[in-house]
Amino acid sequence: MTQGYTSELVPVNTSDELSFRQLFGVLRRNLWLLLLVSALVGAAVYYVVGRQTPVYESSTSILAAQTSSLPNSLGPAVFDAPQLPPGAAEQVIHSKQTVDRISELMRASQLPGDVQRSITKQLNDELNNDSYRLLILTALLDSQQRGIYSLKASASTPQSARMLSTLAAQALLEWDTRRAKQSVERARRNIQAQLAGVTSRLQTMPGNSLERPGLAAARDQLQLSLSQARVLEEGAAGTLSLLAEANTPVSPVAPKPLRSGIVAAVVAFAACLVLALVRDGLRR
């Protein structure tokens, strides 16, 4: 008895093969047109981007370190400025006080007047819009707020970018110094008030009073403390110090006409290819 076998034909899916054939067919028929359109779009973007105002970036580094207490007769750590809380330096850089100080310092610089006015206007516009691009402060700090601040300034020329970075760092350091002097000023004013009170008592006190020698000794001590406070006030420093001066950039960071032109040409080629495939599919 013979056993019969039946064979079944398995259909072959040729959709992928047809898709590749269609793609290469459209490419072969429209290659020169696609390349021409892509080249024109890339050249147009290259020309437009190349005419934009260049942007140069200059950066400077600022060290944030803990101040050390100086021995004095007014009490420990009177003249130590506290560490800046997170985000404080960024708020100072983007404050009206700092913008005004930068503008004041810039007027004394050798930058052309039109460049000074342009930078000042941009700084004030960014301040009003609460959107900042000219001055960017990046903090690289540990848990105790010690580390490095990187201050980056952008401008239309290498010289103006370097000057803006330098002046912004100077304004920030000046603010930090004034912050450190506040405790010294409070201590000095307190000593002056005490000295005025003791001096007034001595002037109205009889010469044979038993309290007079003690008050005279207290006055002498207050005068010594006042002299020390004035000296320390002059030399008070904050927690920030200049680590690296601003560099002079060599090449602009923007625009990048070549990169923009290549990207535009690739996008144009892909878009035209898709349109050609759609058109070919509609004709079938």
C-alpha atoms as a PDB file:
ATOM      1  CA  MET A   1       0.000   0.000   0.000  1.00  0.00           C
ATOM      2  CA  THR A   2       1.483   3.215  -1.096  1.00  0.00           C
ATOM      3  CA  GLN A   3       1.225   6.255   1.156  1.00  0.00           C
ATOM      4  CA  GLY A   4       0.775   9.563  -0.729  1.00  0.00           C
ATOM      5  CA  TYR A   5       2.290  12.885   0.297  1.00  0.00           C
ATOM      6  CA  THR A   6       0.976  16.328  -0.528  1.00  0.00           C
ATOM      7  CA  SER A   7       3.200  19.346  -0.811  1.00  0.00           C
ATOM      8  CA  GLU A   8       2.150  22.926   0.047  1.00  0.00           C
ATOM      9  CA  LEU A   9       3.558  26.018  -1.618  1.00  0.00           C
ATOM     10  CA  VAL A  10       4.686  28.683   0.927  1.00  0.00           C
ATOM     11  CA  PRO A  11       4.138  32.211  -0.441  1.00  0.00           C
ATOM     12  CA  VAL A  12       7.232  34.423  -0.429  1.00  0.00           C
ATOM     13  CA  ASN A  13       6.740  37.952   0.953  1.00  0.00           C
ATOM     14  CA  THR A  14       8.304  40.294  -1.563  1.00  0.00           C
ATOM     15  CA  SER A  15       7.177  43.581   0.013  1.00  0.00           C
ATOM     16  CA  ASP A  16      10.668  44.375   1.334  1.00  0.00           C
ATOM     17  CA  GLU A  17      12.195  43.562  -2.027  1.00  0.00           C
ATOM     18  CA  LEU A  18       9.686  45.785  -3.794  1.00  0.00           C
ATOM     19  CA  SER A  19      10.296  48.596  -1.315  1.00  0.00           C
ATOM     20  CA  PHE A  20      14.045  48.513  -1.932  1.00  0.00           C
ATOM     21  CA  ARG A  21      13.497  48.317  -5.671  1.00  0.00           C
ATOM     22  CA  GLN A  22      11.156  51.300  -5.528  1.00  0.00           C
ATOM     23  CA  LEU A  23      13.614  53.279  -3.387  1.00  0.00           C
ATOM     24  CA  PHE A  24      16.583  52.645  -5.650  1.00  0.00           C
ATOM     25  CA  GLY A  25      14.452  53.263  -8.700  1.00  0.00           C
ATOM     26  CA  VAL A  26      13.357  56.670  -7.409  1.00  0.00           C
ATOM     27  CA  LEU A  27      16.937  57.481  -6.444  1.00  0.00           C
ATOM     28  CA  ARG A  28      18.243  56.537  -9.896  1.00  0.00           C
ATOM     29  CA  ARG A  29      15.641  58.591 -11.723  1.00  0.00           C
ATOM     30  CA  ASN A  30      15.830  61.687  -9.474  1.00  0.00           C
ATOM     31  CA  LEU A  31      19.406  61.609  -8.207  1.00  0.00           C
ATOM     32  CA  TRP A  32      20.635  64.720  -9.991  1.00  0.00           C
ATOM     33  CA  LEU A  33      17.553  66.697  -9.044  1.00  0.00           C
ATOM     34  CA  LEU A  34      17.897  65.655  -5.394  1.00  0.00           C
ATOM     35  CA  LEU A  35      21.562  66.608  -5.346  1.00  0.00           C
ATOM     36  CA  LEU A  36      20.853  69.955  -7.015  1.00  0.00           C
ATOM     37  CA  VAL A  37      18.098  70.896  -4.556  1.00  0.00           C
ATOM     38  CA  SER A  38      20.209  69.790  -1.584  1.00  0.00           C
ATOM     39  CA  ALA A  39      23.206  71.784  -2.803  1.00  0.00           C
ATOM     40  CA  LEU A  40      21.086  74.915  -3.325  1.00  0.00           C
ATOM     41  CA  VAL A  41      19.499  74.643   0.132  1.00  0.00           C
ATOM     42  CA  GLY A  42      22.866  73.989   1.794  1.00  0.00           C
ATOM     43  CA  ALA A  43      24.481  76.922  -0.008  1.00  0.00           C
ATOM     44  CA  ALA A  44      21.597  79.255   0.915  1.00  0.00           C
ATOM     45  CA  VAL A  45      21.777  78.269   4.592  1.00  0.00           C
ATOM     46  CA  TYR A  46      25.569  78.616   4.549  1.00  0.00           C
ATOM     47  CA  TYR A  47      25.265  82.139   3.122  1.00  0.00           C
ATOM     48  CA  VAL A  48      22.540  83.265   5.554  1.00  0.00           C
ATOM     49  CA  VAL A  49      24.196  81.810   8.659  1.00  0.00           C
ATOM     50  CA  GLY A  50      27.592  83.142   7.608  1.00  0.00           C
ATOM     51  CA  ARG A  51      26.233  86.703   7.582  1.00  0.00           C
ATOM     52  CA  GLN A  52      25.040  86.497  11.191  1.00  0.00           C
ATOM     53  CA  THR A  53      26.927  88.369  13.912  1.00  0.00           C
ATOM     54  CA  PRO A  54      29.675  86.148  15.351  1.00  0.00           C
ATOM     55  CA  VAL A  55      29.603  85.237  19.024  1.00  0.00           C
ATOM     56  CA  TYR A  56      32.819  84.915  21.011  1.00  0.00           C
ATOM     57  CA  GLU A  57      33.071  83.439  24.495  1.00  0.00           C
ATOM     58  CA  SER A  58      35.614  84.276  27.182  1.00  0.00           C
ATOM     59  CA  SER A  59      35.761  82.613  30.577  1.00  0.00           C
ATOM     60  CA  THR A  60      37.410  83.308  33.905  1.00  0.00           C
ATOM     61  CA  SER A  61      37.650  81.226  37.065  1.00  0.00           C
ATOM     62  CA  ILE A  62      36.890  82.339  40.623  1.00  0.00           C
ATOM     63  CA  LEU A  63      37.920  80.379  43.711  1.00  0.00           C
ATOM     64  CA  ALA A  64      35.486  79.974  46.598  1.00  0.00           C
ATOM     65  CA  ALA A  65      37.358  79.122  49.812  1.00  0.00           C
ATOM     66  CA  GLN A  66      36.729  79.357  53.546  1.00  0.00           C
ATOM     67  CA  THR A  67      38.276  82.416  55.170  1.00  0.00           C
ATOM     68  CA  SER A  68      40.478  81.944  58.223  1.00  0.00           C
ATOM     69  CA  SER A  69      39.913  83.783  61.488  1.00  0.00           C
ATOM     70  CA  LEU A  70      42.441  86.424  62.420  1.00  0.00           C
ATOM     71  CA  PRO A  71      43.416  86.793  66.077  1.00  0.00           C
ATOM     72  CA  ASN A  72      41.968  90.018  67.444  1.00  0.00           C
ATOM     73  CA  SER A  73      40.695  91.529  70.642  1.00  0.00           C
ATOM     74  CA  LEU A  74      37.159  92.018  69.348  1.00  0.00           C
ATOM     75  CA  GLY A  75      36.098  88.403  69.552  1.00  0.00           C
ATOM     76  CA  PRO A  76      36.701  85.327  67.388  1.00  0.00           C
ATOM     77  CA  ALA A  77      35.548  85.210  63.771  1.00  0.00           C
ATOM     78  CA  VAL A  78      34.211  88.757  63.833  1.00  0.00           C
ATOM     79  CA  PHE A  79      35.714  89.470  60.421  1.00  0.00           C
ATOM     80  CA  ASP A  80      34.981  86.168  58.728  1.00  0.00           C
ATOM     81  CA  ALA A  81      32.514  86.392  55.848  1.00  0.00           C
ATOM     82  CA  PRO A  82      30.123  83.426  55.806  1.00  0.00           C
ATOM     83  CA  GLN A  83      30.177  81.025  52.877  1.00  0.00           C
ATOM     84  CA  LEU A  84      27.771  81.922  50.092  1.00  0.00           C
ATOM     85  CA  PRO A  85      24.582  79.831  50.034  1.00  0.00           C
ATOM     86  CA  PRO A  86      23.795  77.855  46.865  1.00  0.00           C
ATOM     87  CA  GLY A  87      22.699  80.085  44.013  1.00  0.00           C
ATOM     88  CA  ALA A  88      23.737  83.345  45.701  1.00  0.00           C
ATOM     89  CA  ALA A  89      26.582  84.136  43.290  1.00  0.00           C
ATOM     90  CA  GLU A  90      24.324  83.566  40.263  1.00  0.00           C
ATOM     91  CA  GLN A  91      21.747  85.932  41.727  1.00  0.00           C
ATOM     92  CA  VAL A  92      24.417  88.585  42.275  1.00  0.00           C
ATOM     93  CA  ILE A  93      25.773  88.307  38.719  1.00  0.00           C
ATOM     94  CA  HIS A  94      22.254  88.753  37.334  1.00  0.00           C
ATOM     95  CA  SER A  95      21.311  91.675  39.571  1.00  0.00           C
ATOM     96  CA  LYS A  96      20.691  95.335  38.765  1.00  0.00           C
ATOM     97  CA  GLN A  97      23.519  96.366  41.064  1.00  0.00           C
ATOM     98  CA  THR A  98      26.052  94.225  39.180  1.00  0.00           C
ATOM     99  CA  VAL A  99      24.811  95.313  35.754  1.00  0.00           C
ATOM    100  CA  ASP A 100      25.140  98.961  36.764  1.00  0.00           C
ATOM    101  CA  ARG A 101      28.640  98.348  38.122  1.00  0.00           C
ATOM    102  CA  ILE A 102      29.717  96.555  34.926  1.00  0.00           C
ATOM    103  CA  SER A 103      28.381  99.455  32.851  1.00  0.00           C
ATOM    104  CA  GLU A 104      30.259 101.927  35.038  1.00  0.00           C
ATOM    105  CA  LEU A 105      33.528 100.007  34.709  1.00  0.00           C
ATOM    106  CA  MET A 106      33.026  99.571  30.972  1.00  0.00           C
ATOM    107  CA  ARG A 107      32.743 103.316  30.438  1.00  0.00           C
ATOM    108  CA  ALA A 108      36.304 103.597  31.738  1.00  0.00           C
ATOM    109  CA  SER A 109      37.559 100.852  29.389  1.00  0.00           C
ATOM    110  CA  GLN A 110      39.036 101.205  25.909  1.00  0.00           C
ATOM    111  CA  LEU A 111      36.122  99.524  24.152  1.00  0.00           C
ATOM    112  CA  PRO A 112      34.432 101.604  21.433  1.00  0.00           C
ATOM    113  CA  GLY A 113      31.425 103.580  22.585  1.00  0.00           C
ATOM    114  CA  ASP A 114      28.968 101.736  20.333  1.00  0.00           C
ATOM    115  CA  VAL A 115      30.174  98.378  21.689  1.00  0.00           C
ATOM    116  CA  GLN A 116      29.787  99.628  25.270  1.00  0.00           C
ATOM    117  CA  ARG A 117      26.243 100.825  24.632  1.00  0.00           C
ATOM    118  CA  SER A 118      25.320  97.591  22.854  1.00  0.00           C
ATOM    119  CA  ILE A 119      26.569  95.390  25.717  1.00  0.00           C
ATOM    120  CA  THR A 120      24.917  97.590  28.346  1.00  0.00           C
ATOM    121  CA  LYS A 121      21.613  97.457  26.480  1.00  0.00           C
ATOM    122  CA  GLN A 122      21.773  93.674  26.131  1.00  0.00           C
ATOM    123  CA  LEU A 123      22.569  93.243  29.831  1.00  0.00           C
ATOM    124  CA  ASN A 124      19.614  95.417  30.843  1.00  0.00           C
ATOM    125  CA  ASP A 125      17.297  93.689  28.359  1.00  0.00           C
ATOM    126  CA  GLU A 126      18.246  90.282  29.753  1.00  0.00           C
ATOM    127  CA  LEU A 127      17.691  91.591  33.270  1.00  0.00           C
ATOM    128  CA  ASN A 128      14.225  92.873  32.376  1.00  0.00           C
ATOM    129  CA  ASN A 129      13.289  89.637  30.569  1.00  0.00           C
ATOM    130  CA  ASP A 130      14.863  87.376  33.228  1.00  0.00           C
ATOM    131  CA  SER A 131      16.633  85.461  30.454  1.00  0.00           C
ATOM    132  CA  TYR A 132      20.422  85.421  30.454  1.00  0.00           C
ATOM    133  CA  ARG A 133      22.920  84.607  27.698  1.00  0.00           C
ATOM    134  CA  LEU A 134      25.730  87.159  27.921  1.00  0.00           C
ATOM    135  CA  LEU A 135      26.883  86.111  31.405  1.00  0.00           C
ATOM    136  CA  ILE A 136      26.695  82.498  32.557  1.00  0.00           C
ATOM    137  CA  LEU A 137      28.040  81.461  35.968  1.00  0.00           C
ATOM    138  CA  THR A 138      28.620  77.747  36.586  1.00  0.00           C
ATOM    139  CA  ALA A 139      29.384  76.487  40.093  1.00  0.00           C
ATOM    140  CA  LEU A 140      31.586  73.460  40.787  1.00  0.00           C
ATOM    141  CA  LEU A 141      31.354  73.336  44.586  1.00  0.00           C
ATOM    142  CA  ASP A 142      31.417  70.763  47.348  1.00  0.00           C
ATOM    143  CA  SER A 143      28.865  70.389  50.145  1.00  0.00           C
ATOM    144  CA  GLN A 144      30.519  73.250  52.070  1.00  0.00           C
ATOM    145  CA  GLN A 145      30.264  75.603  49.077  1.00  0.00           C
ATOM    146  CA  ARG A 146      34.004  75.481  48.421  1.00  0.00           C
ATOM    147  CA  GLY A 147      35.307  75.072  44.912  1.00  0.00           C
ATOM    148  CA  ILE A 148      35.401  76.984  41.637  1.00  0.00           C
ATOM    149  CA  TYR A 149      33.027  79.280  39.794  1.00  0.00           C
ATOM    150  CA  SER A 150      33.381  79.456  36.027  1.00  0.00           C
ATOM    151  CA  LEU A 151      32.190  82.780  34.608  1.00  0.00           C
ATOM    152  CA  LYS A 152      31.569  82.804  30.849  1.00  0.00           C
ATOM    153  CA  ALA A 153      30.880  85.986  28.879  1.00  0.00           C
ATOM    154  CA  SER A 154      29.647  86.266  25.283  1.00  0.00           C
ATOM    155  CA  ALA A 155      30.130  89.222  22.938  1.00  0.00           C
ATOM    156  CA  SER A 156      30.523  90.062  19.264  1.00  0.00           C
ATOM    157  CA  THR A 157      34.321  90.529  19.345  1.00  0.00           C
ATOM    158  CA  PRO A 158      37.144  88.726  21.174  1.00  0.00           C
ATOM    159  CA  GLN A 159      38.195  91.910  22.975  1.00  0.00           C
ATOM    160  CA  SER A 160      34.692  92.775  24.186  1.00  0.00           C
ATOM    161  CA  ALA A 161      34.092  89.192  25.359  1.00  0.00           C
ATOM    162  CA  ARG A 162      37.310  89.242  27.381  1.00  0.00           C
ATOM    163  CA  MET A 163      36.527  92.685  28.799  1.00  0.00           C
ATOM    164  CA  LEU A 164      32.980  91.690  29.779  1.00  0.00           C
ATOM    165  CA  SER A 165      34.240  88.557  31.548  1.00  0.00           C
ATOM    166  CA  THR A 166      36.921  90.560  33.386  1.00  0.00           C
ATOM    167  CA  LEU A 167      34.551  93.325  34.504  1.00  0.00           C
ATOM    168  CA  ALA A 168      31.837  90.882  35.596  1.00  0.00           C
ATOM    169  CA  ALA A 169      34.366  89.000  37.742  1.00  0.00           C
ATOM    170  CA  GLN A 170      35.583  92.302  39.212  1.00  0.00           C
ATOM    171  CA  ALA A 171      32.031  93.360  40.082  1.00  0.00           C
ATOM    172  CA  LEU A 172      31.370  90.021  41.782  1.00  0.00           C
ATOM    173  CA  LEU A 173      34.593  90.204  43.815  1.00  0.00           C
ATOM    174  CA  GLU A 174      33.832  93.784  44.862  1.00  0.00           C
ATOM    175  CA  TRP A 175      30.409  92.718  46.105  1.00  0.00           C
ATOM    176  CA  ASP A 176      31.970  89.851  48.066  1.00  0.00           C
ATOM    177  CA  THR A 177      34.484  92.242  49.661  1.00  0.00           C
ATOM    178  CA  ARG A 178      31.715  94.632  50.711  1.00  0.00           C
ATOM    179  CA  ARG A 179      29.869  91.671  52.215  1.00  0.00           C
ATOM    180  CA  ALA A 180      32.953  90.761  54.252  1.00  0.00           C
ATOM    181  CA  LYS A 181      33.352  94.328  55.513  1.00  0.00           C
ATOM    182  CA  GLN A 182      29.828  94.506  56.891  1.00  0.00           C
ATOM    183  CA  SER A 183      30.712  92.630  60.100  1.00  0.00           C
ATOM    184  CA  VAL A 184      33.810  94.789  60.526  1.00  0.00           C
ATOM    185  CA  GLU A 185      31.772  97.956  60.086  1.00  0.00           C
ATOM    186  CA  ARG A 186      29.232  96.798  62.673  1.00  0.00           C
ATOM    187  CA  ALA A 187      32.006  96.018  65.150  1.00  0.00           C
ATOM    188  CA  ARG A 188      33.683  99.398  64.502  1.00  0.00           C
ATOM    189  CA  ARG A 189      30.435 101.315  64.987  1.00  0.00           C
ATOM    190  CA  ASN A 190      29.792  99.443  68.235  1.00  0.00           C
ATOM    191  CA  ILE A 191      33.275 100.276  69.526  1.00  0.00           C
ATOM    192  CA  GLN A 192      32.860 103.924  68.556  1.00  0.00           C
ATOM    193  CA  ALA A 193      29.571 104.118  70.459  1.00  0.00           C
ATOM    194  CA  GLN A 194      31.148 102.536  73.549  1.00  0.00           C
ATOM    195  CA  LEU A 195      34.166 104.848  73.309  1.00  0.00           C
ATOM    196  CA  ALA A 196      31.940 107.913  73.015  1.00  0.00           C
ATOM    197  CA  GLY A 197      30.001 106.835  76.109  1.00  0.00           C
ATOM    198  CA  VAL A 198      33.145 106.234  78.195  1.00  0.00           C
ATOM    199  CA  THR A 199      34.714 109.497  77.038  1.00  0.00           C
ATOM    200  CA  SER A 200      31.555 111.400  77.915  1.00  0.00           C
ATOM    201  CA  ARG A 201      31.518 109.903  81.430  1.00  0.00           C
ATOM    202  CA  LEU A 202      35.167 110.755  81.963  1.00  0.00           C
ATOM    203  CA  GLN A 203      34.562 114.370  80.922  1.00  0.00           C
ATOM    204  CA  THR A 204      31.764 114.803  83.452  1.00  0.00           C
ATOM    205  CA  MET A 205      33.390 112.785  86.233  1.00  0.00           C
ATOM    206  CA  PRO A 206      35.265 114.532  89.081  1.00  0.00           C
ATOM    207  CA  GLY A 207      39.025 114.174  88.950  1.00  0.00           C
ATOM    208  CA  ASN A 208      39.197 112.432  92.341  1.00  0.00           C
ATOM    209  CA  SER A 209      36.540 109.838  91.498  1.00  0.00           C
ATOM    210  CA  LEU A 210      37.463 106.235  92.300  1.00  0.00           C
ATOM    211  CA  GLU A 211      35.947 105.063  89.013  1.00  0.00           C
ATOM    212  CA  ARG A 212      38.117 107.331  86.904  1.00  0.00           C
ATOM    213  CA  PRO A 213      41.196 105.033  86.631  1.00  0.00           C
ATOM    214  CA  GLY A 214      39.048 102.093  85.559  1.00  0.00           C
ATOM    215  CA  LEU A 215      37.181 104.153  82.968  1.00  0.00           C
ATOM    216  CA  ALA A 216      40.466 105.567  81.672  1.00  0.00           C
ATOM    217  CA  ALA A 217      41.831 102.045  81.226  1.00  0.00           C
ATOM    218  CA  ALA A 218      38.614 101.007  79.451  1.00  0.00           C
ATOM    219  CA  ARG A 219      38.904 104.043  77.159  1.00  0.00           C
ATOM    220  CA  ASP A 220      42.481 103.130  76.267  1.00  0.00           C
ATOM    221  CA  GLN A 221      41.425  99.560  75.473  1.00  0.00           C
ATOM    222  CA  LEU A 222      38.530 100.762  73.305  1.00  0.00           C
ATOM    223  CA  GLN A 223      40.830 103.113  71.416  1.00  0.00           C
ATOM    224  CA  LEU A 224      43.191 100.203  70.737  1.00  0.00           C
ATOM    225  CA  SER A 225      40.303  98.021  69.576  1.00  0.00           C
ATOM    226  CA  LEU A 226      39.015 100.816  67.334  1.00  0.00           C
ATOM    227  CA  SER A 227      42.419 101.173  65.676  1.00  0.00           C
ATOM    228  CA  GLN A 228      42.540  97.420  65.107  1.00  0.00           C
ATOM    229  CA  ALA A 229      39.034  97.394  63.665  1.00  0.00           C
ATOM    230  CA  ARG A 230      39.916 100.144  61.205  1.00  0.00           C
ATOM    231  CA  VAL A 231      43.000  98.262  60.045  1.00  0.00           C
ATOM    232  CA  LEU A 232      41.085  95.021  59.620  1.00  0.00           C
ATOM    233  CA  GLU A 233      38.270  96.836  57.844  1.00  0.00           C
ATOM    234  CA  GLU A 234      40.704  98.020  55.208  1.00  0.00           C
ATOM    235  CA  GLY A 235      42.064  94.502  54.686  1.00  0.00           C
ATOM    236  CA  ALA A 236      38.796  92.555  54.951  1.00  0.00           C
ATOM    237  CA  ALA A 237      38.285  89.974  52.207  1.00  0.00           C
ATOM    238  CA  GLY A 238      35.417  87.727  51.278  1.00  0.00           C
ATOM    239  CA  THR A 239      35.357  84.066  50.377  1.00  0.00           C
ATOM    240  CA  LEU A 240      35.912  84.650  46.640  1.00  0.00           C
ATOM    241  CA  SER A 241      39.199  85.324  44.857  1.00  0.00           C
ATOM    242  CA  LEU A 242      40.309  85.437  41.232  1.00  0.00           C
ATOM    243  CA  LEU A 243      41.774  82.102  40.166  1.00  0.00           C
ATOM    244  CA  ALA A 244      42.352  82.617  36.423  1.00  0.00           C
ATOM    245  CA  GLU A 245      42.092  85.759  34.330  1.00  0.00           C
ATOM    246  CA  ALA A 246      39.759  85.947  31.343  1.00  0.00           C
ATOM    247  CA  ASN A 247      41.102  84.497  28.098  1.00  0.00           C
ATOM    248  CA  THR A 248      40.950  86.117  24.664  1.00  0.00           C
ATOM    249  CA  PRO A 249      38.969  83.809  22.347  1.00  0.00           C
ATOM    250  CA  VAL A 250      40.456  82.984  18.949  1.00  0.00           C
ATOM    251  CA  SER A 251      37.439  81.720  17.011  1.00  0.00           C
ATOM    252  CA  PRO A 252      33.697  82.314  17.436  1.00  0.00           C
ATOM    253  CA  VAL A 253      31.493  79.665  19.002  1.00  0.00           C
ATOM    254  CA  ALA A 254      28.625  80.694  16.727  1.00  0.00           C
ATOM    255  CA  PRO A 255      27.494  80.782  14.035  1.00  0.00           C
ATOM    256  CA  LYS A 256      28.791  77.617  12.348  1.00  0.00           C
ATOM    257  CA  PRO A 257      27.887  78.139   8.664  1.00  0.00           C
ATOM    258  CA  LEU A 258      29.568  74.984   7.356  1.00  0.00           C
ATOM    259  CA  ARG A 259      27.893  72.711   9.880  1.00  0.00           C
ATOM    260  CA  SER A 260      24.535  74.407   9.388  1.00  0.00           C
ATOM    261  CA  GLY A 261      24.857  74.148   5.600  1.00  0.00           C
ATOM    262  CA  ILE A 262      25.674  70.432   5.712  1.00  0.00           C
ATOM    263  CA  VAL A 263      22.789  69.687   8.066  1.00  0.00           C
ATOM    264  CA  ALA A 264      20.396  71.685   5.875  1.00  0.00           C
ATOM    265  CA  ALA A 265      21.588  69.867   2.729  1.00  0.00           C
ATOM    266  CA  VAL A 266      21.079  66.450   4.347  1.00  0.00           C
ATOM    267  CA  VAL A 267      17.612  67.385   5.593  1.00  0.00           C
ATOM    268  CA  ALA A 268      16.677  68.773   2.178  1.00  0.00           C
ATOM    269  CA  PHE A 269      17.893  65.592   0.443  1.00  0.00           C
ATOM    270  CA  ALA A 270      15.864  63.383   2.799  1.00  0.00           C
ATOM    271  CA  ALA A 271      12.738  65.537   2.443  1.00  0.00           C
ATOM    272  CA  CYS A 272      12.945  65.584  -1.365  1.00  0.00           C
ATOM    273  CA  LEU A 273      13.469  61.832  -1.409  1.00  0.00           C
ATOM    274  CA  VAL A 274      10.345  61.282   0.671  1.00  0.00           C
ATOM    275  CA  LEU A 275       8.343  63.533  -1.672  1.00  0.00           C
ATOM    276  CA  ALA A 276       9.670  61.650  -4.672  1.00  0.00           C
ATOM    277  CA  LEU A 277       8.668  58.306  -3.115  1.00  0.00           C
ATOM    278  CA  VAL A 278       5.183  59.613  -2.338  1.00  0.00           C
ATOM    279  CA  ARG A 279       4.810  60.898  -5.884  1.00  0.00           C
ATOM    280  CA  ASP A 280       6.006  57.613  -7.326  1.00  0.00           C
ATOM    281  CA  GLY A 281       3.575  55.700  -5.130  1.00  0.00           C
ATOM    282  CA  LEU A 282       0.642  57.856  -6.248  1.00  0.00           C
ATOM    283  CA  ARG A 283       1.489  57.281  -9.910  1.00  0.00           C
ATOM    284  CA  ARG A 284       1.418  53.539  -9.515  1.00  0.00           C
END
